[in-house]
């Protein structure tokens, strides 16, 4: 993870694809989690499948749950919990 961008995550619960629960294992540095976490739409295509994401993407956009950074579209996660193991 770097500057809120999640480079790898694993779906823990996908019962509600609009609000998935993901697990991210990362070394956090100052500033890496200042604000919503960003997961690339391409990662969701890998996790959920192209057809599912094609249906969900308009809903995420309408809800303000996407952001574009450096030409890449991300799904935003404004609510997340840090677990220290």
N, C-alpha and C. Protein backbone atom coordinates (compact mmCIF):
# COMPACT_ATOMS: atom_id res chain seq x y z
N UNK A 1 0.85 -1.16 0.00
CA UNK A 1 0.00 0.00 0.00
C UNK A 1 0.91 1.22 0.00
N UNK A 2 0.52 2.21 -0.78
CA UNK A 2 1.27 3.46 -0.83
C UNK A 2 0.29 4.59 -1.13
N UNK A 3 0.29 5.61 -0.28
CA UNK A 3 -0.59 6.77 -0.46
C UNK A 3 -2.04 6.37 -0.73
N UNK A 4 -2.57 5.49 0.12
CA UNK A 4 -3.96 5.02 0.11
C UNK A 4 -4.28 4.01 -0.98
N UNK A 5 -3.38 3.77 -1.93
CA UNK A 5 -3.65 2.81 -3.00
C UNK A 5 -3.30 1.41 -2.52
N UNK A 6 -4.28 0.52 -2.59
CA UNK A 6 -4.09 -0.88 -2.21
C UNK A 6 -3.62 -1.63 -3.45
N UNK A 7 -2.46 -2.26 -3.35
CA UNK A 7 -1.91 -2.98 -4.50
C UNK A 7 -2.26 -4.45 -4.51
N UNK A 8 -2.66 -4.98 -3.38
CA UNK A 8 -3.12 -6.37 -3.33
C UNK A 8 -4.06 -6.53 -2.14
N UNK A 9 -5.18 -7.20 -2.39
CA UNK A 9 -6.12 -7.49 -1.32
C UNK A 9 -6.83 -8.79 -1.63
N UNK A 10 -7.48 -9.30 -0.62
CA UNK A 10 -8.17 -10.58 -0.73
C UNK A 10 -9.60 -10.40 -0.24
N UNK A 11 -10.59 -10.87 -1.00
CA UNK A 11 -11.98 -10.76 -0.52
C UNK A 11 -12.24 -11.76 0.61
N UNK A 12 -12.71 -11.25 1.73
CA UNK A 12 -13.05 -12.09 2.88
C UNK A 12 -14.53 -12.42 2.84
N UNK A 13 -15.33 -11.44 2.41
CA UNK A 13 -16.77 -11.65 2.33
C UNK A 13 -17.31 -10.88 1.14
N UNK A 14 -18.01 -11.59 0.27
CA UNK A 14 -18.59 -10.97 -0.93
C UNK A 14 -20.10 -11.19 -1.00
N UNK A 15 -20.74 -11.39 0.16
CA UNK A 15 -22.20 -11.60 0.18
C UNK A 15 -22.93 -10.43 -0.48
N UNK A 16 -22.45 -9.22 -0.23
CA UNK A 16 -23.01 -8.02 -0.85
C UNK A 16 -21.89 -7.38 -1.67
N UNK A 17 -21.83 -7.68 -2.98
CA UNK A 17 -20.74 -7.16 -3.80
C UNK A 17 -20.65 -5.63 -3.81
N UNK A 18 -21.75 -4.94 -3.50
CA UNK A 18 -21.69 -3.48 -3.42
C UNK A 18 -20.87 -3.03 -2.21
N UNK A 19 -20.82 -3.88 -1.19
CA UNK A 19 -20.09 -3.54 0.05
C UNK A 19 -19.25 -4.74 0.48
N UNK A 20 -18.21 -5.05 -0.28
CA UNK A 20 -17.39 -6.22 0.06
C UNK A 20 -16.52 -5.98 1.29
N UNK A 21 -16.14 -7.06 1.92
CA UNK A 21 -15.16 -7.00 3.01
C UNK A 21 -13.86 -7.56 2.45
N UNK A 22 -12.83 -6.74 2.49
CA UNK A 22 -11.54 -7.13 1.93
C UNK A 22 -10.49 -7.15 3.03
N UNK A 23 -9.48 -8.00 2.85
CA UNK A 23 -8.36 -8.06 3.77
C UNK A 23 -7.13 -7.56 3.02
N UNK A 24 -6.43 -6.65 3.67
CA UNK A 24 -5.21 -6.07 3.10
C UNK A 24 -4.10 -6.29 4.10
N UNK A 25 -3.02 -6.89 3.67
CA UNK A 25 -1.85 -7.01 4.54
C UNK A 25 -0.80 -6.06 4.00
N UNK A 26 -0.39 -5.11 4.84
CA UNK A 26 0.52 -4.08 4.35
C UNK A 26 1.36 -3.49 5.46
N UNK A 27 2.51 -3.00 5.07
CA UNK A 27 3.33 -2.18 5.95
C UNK A 27 2.84 -0.75 5.75
N UNK A 28 2.44 -0.11 6.84
CA UNK A 28 1.90 1.24 6.73
C UNK A 28 2.93 2.27 7.16
N UNK A 29 3.08 3.28 6.31
CA UNK A 29 3.95 4.40 6.62
C UNK A 29 3.09 5.64 6.82
N UNK A 30 3.60 6.66 7.45
CA UNK A 30 2.81 7.88 7.63
C UNK A 30 2.26 8.38 6.29
N UNK A 31 0.96 8.67 6.27
CA UNK A 31 0.30 9.17 5.08
C UNK A 31 -0.33 8.11 4.20
N UNK A 32 0.04 6.85 4.41
CA UNK A 32 -0.50 5.78 3.55
C UNK A 32 -1.99 5.57 3.74
N UNK A 33 -2.53 5.91 4.90
CA UNK A 33 -3.95 5.66 5.16
C UNK A 33 -4.69 6.93 5.55
N UNK A 34 -4.21 8.07 5.11
CA UNK A 34 -4.88 9.34 5.40
C UNK A 34 -6.01 9.54 4.40
N UNK A 35 -7.18 9.01 4.70
CA UNK A 35 -8.34 9.12 3.82
C UNK A 35 -8.80 7.76 3.37
N UNK A 36 -9.76 7.73 2.45
CA UNK A 36 -10.30 6.46 1.96
C UNK A 36 -9.22 5.62 1.27
N UNK A 37 -9.30 4.31 1.46
CA UNK A 37 -8.41 3.42 0.74
C UNK A 37 -8.94 3.24 -0.67
N UNK A 38 -8.04 3.02 -1.62
CA UNK A 38 -8.40 2.92 -3.04
C UNK A 38 -8.02 1.55 -3.58
N UNK A 39 -9.00 0.84 -4.14
CA UNK A 39 -8.78 -0.46 -4.76
C UNK A 39 -9.15 -0.32 -6.23
N UNK A 40 -8.24 -0.68 -7.12
CA UNK A 40 -8.46 -0.53 -8.56
C UNK A 40 -9.68 -1.32 -9.02
N UNK A 41 -10.44 -0.72 -9.92
CA UNK A 41 -11.59 -1.39 -10.52
C UNK A 41 -11.13 -2.70 -11.17
N UNK A 42 -9.94 -2.70 -11.76
CA UNK A 42 -9.41 -3.92 -12.38
C UNK A 42 -9.29 -5.06 -11.36
N UNK A 43 -8.94 -4.74 -10.11
CA UNK A 43 -8.88 -5.79 -9.08
C UNK A 43 -10.27 -6.35 -8.80
N UNK A 44 -11.28 -5.49 -8.83
CA UNK A 44 -12.64 -5.99 -8.63
C UNK A 44 -13.07 -6.88 -9.79
N UNK A 45 -12.62 -6.59 -10.97
CA UNK A 45 -12.94 -7.47 -12.11
C UNK A 45 -12.34 -8.85 -11.88
N UNK A 46 -11.15 -8.90 -11.32
CA UNK A 46 -10.49 -10.17 -11.01
C UNK A 46 -11.25 -10.91 -9.91
N UNK A 47 -11.68 -10.19 -8.88
CA UNK A 47 -12.33 -10.81 -7.73
C UNK A 47 -13.78 -11.21 -8.00
N UNK A 48 -14.52 -10.34 -8.68
CA UNK A 48 -15.96 -10.54 -8.86
C UNK A 48 -16.36 -11.01 -10.24
N UNK A 49 -15.51 -10.78 -11.23
CA UNK A 49 -15.84 -11.10 -12.61
C UNK A 49 -16.26 -9.85 -13.38
N UNK A 50 -16.00 -9.85 -14.67
CA UNK A 50 -16.27 -8.69 -15.52
C UNK A 50 -17.75 -8.33 -15.56
N UNK A 51 -18.61 -9.34 -15.67
CA UNK A 51 -20.05 -9.06 -15.79
C UNK A 51 -20.61 -8.43 -14.52
N UNK A 52 -20.18 -8.93 -13.37
CA UNK A 52 -20.67 -8.38 -12.09
C UNK A 52 -20.21 -6.94 -11.93
N UNK A 53 -18.94 -6.68 -12.22
CA UNK A 53 -18.41 -5.31 -12.08
C UNK A 53 -19.09 -4.37 -13.08
N UNK A 54 -19.40 -4.86 -14.27
CA UNK A 54 -20.09 -4.01 -15.26
C UNK A 54 -21.44 -3.56 -14.73
N UNK A 55 -22.10 -4.40 -13.92
CA UNK A 55 -23.38 -4.04 -13.33
C UNK A 55 -23.20 -3.12 -12.11
N UNK A 56 -22.14 -3.35 -11.34
CA UNK A 56 -21.94 -2.60 -10.10
C UNK A 56 -21.29 -1.23 -10.31
N UNK A 57 -20.46 -1.09 -11.31
CA UNK A 57 -19.70 0.15 -11.49
C UNK A 57 -20.59 1.40 -11.59
N UNK A 58 -21.69 1.38 -12.34
CA UNK A 58 -22.56 2.56 -12.36
C UNK A 58 -23.12 2.90 -10.97
N UNK A 59 -23.41 1.87 -10.17
CA UNK A 59 -23.94 2.10 -8.82
C UNK A 59 -22.86 2.72 -7.92
N UNK A 60 -21.62 2.21 -8.02
CA UNK A 60 -20.52 2.78 -7.24
C UNK A 60 -20.28 4.24 -7.65
N UNK A 61 -20.32 4.49 -8.94
CA UNK A 61 -20.11 5.88 -9.42
C UNK A 61 -21.21 6.80 -8.90
N UNK A 62 -22.47 6.35 -9.00
CA UNK A 62 -23.60 7.18 -8.57
C UNK A 62 -23.55 7.46 -7.06
N UNK A 63 -22.99 6.52 -6.30
CA UNK A 63 -22.88 6.68 -4.85
C UNK A 63 -21.63 7.46 -4.45
N UNK A 64 -20.85 7.90 -5.43
CA UNK A 64 -19.63 8.63 -5.13
C UNK A 64 -18.53 7.75 -4.56
N UNK A 65 -18.57 6.46 -4.89
CA UNK A 65 -17.61 5.49 -4.34
C UNK A 65 -16.46 5.20 -5.29
N UNK A 66 -16.25 6.04 -6.32
CA UNK A 66 -15.10 5.85 -7.20
C UNK A 66 -14.28 7.13 -7.25
N UNK A 67 -13.02 6.96 -7.59
CA UNK A 67 -12.12 8.09 -7.76
C UNK A 67 -11.13 7.73 -8.86
N UNK A 68 -10.69 8.72 -9.60
CA UNK A 68 -9.69 8.48 -10.63
C UNK A 68 -8.41 9.18 -10.23
N UNK A 69 -7.32 8.43 -10.33
CA UNK A 69 -6.01 8.95 -9.96
C UNK A 69 -5.01 8.48 -11.00
N UNK A 70 -4.32 9.41 -11.62
CA UNK A 70 -3.33 9.09 -12.65
C UNK A 70 -3.93 8.21 -13.75
N UNK A 71 -5.19 8.47 -14.11
CA UNK A 71 -5.83 7.75 -15.20
C UNK A 71 -6.38 6.38 -14.84
N UNK A 72 -6.30 6.00 -13.57
CA UNK A 72 -6.80 4.69 -13.12
C UNK A 72 -8.04 4.93 -12.25
N UNK A 73 -9.10 4.16 -12.51
CA UNK A 73 -10.31 4.30 -11.70
C UNK A 73 -10.25 3.33 -10.52
N UNK A 74 -10.61 3.84 -9.35
CA UNK A 74 -10.58 3.08 -8.11
C UNK A 74 -11.94 3.10 -7.45
N UNK A 75 -12.23 2.03 -6.69
CA UNK A 75 -13.36 2.01 -5.78
C UNK A 75 -12.81 2.50 -4.45
N UNK A 76 -13.51 3.43 -3.80
CA UNK A 76 -13.03 3.99 -2.55
C UNK A 76 -13.63 3.26 -1.36
N UNK A 77 -12.84 3.15 -0.31
CA UNK A 77 -13.28 2.55 0.94
C UNK A 77 -13.08 3.58 2.05
N UNK A 78 -14.13 4.40 2.30
CA UNK A 78 -13.99 5.43 3.33
C UNK A 78 -14.00 4.85 4.74
N UNK A 79 -14.58 3.68 4.92
CA UNK A 79 -14.64 3.04 6.23
C UNK A 79 -13.78 1.78 6.20
N UNK A 80 -12.83 1.72 7.10
CA UNK A 80 -11.97 0.56 7.20
C UNK A 80 -11.43 0.48 8.62
N UNK A 81 -10.94 -0.68 8.98
CA UNK A 81 -10.44 -0.92 10.33
C UNK A 81 -9.04 -1.48 10.25
N UNK A 82 -8.14 -0.89 11.03
CA UNK A 82 -6.77 -1.41 11.10
C UNK A 82 -6.70 -2.44 12.21
N UNK A 83 -6.21 -3.62 11.87
CA UNK A 83 -6.00 -4.67 12.85
C UNK A 83 -4.50 -4.88 12.99
N UNK A 84 -4.02 -4.79 14.19
CA UNK A 84 -2.59 -5.00 14.44
C UNK A 84 -2.43 -6.41 14.98
N UNK A 85 -1.63 -7.19 14.29
CA UNK A 85 -1.44 -8.59 14.67
C UNK A 85 -0.10 -8.76 15.35
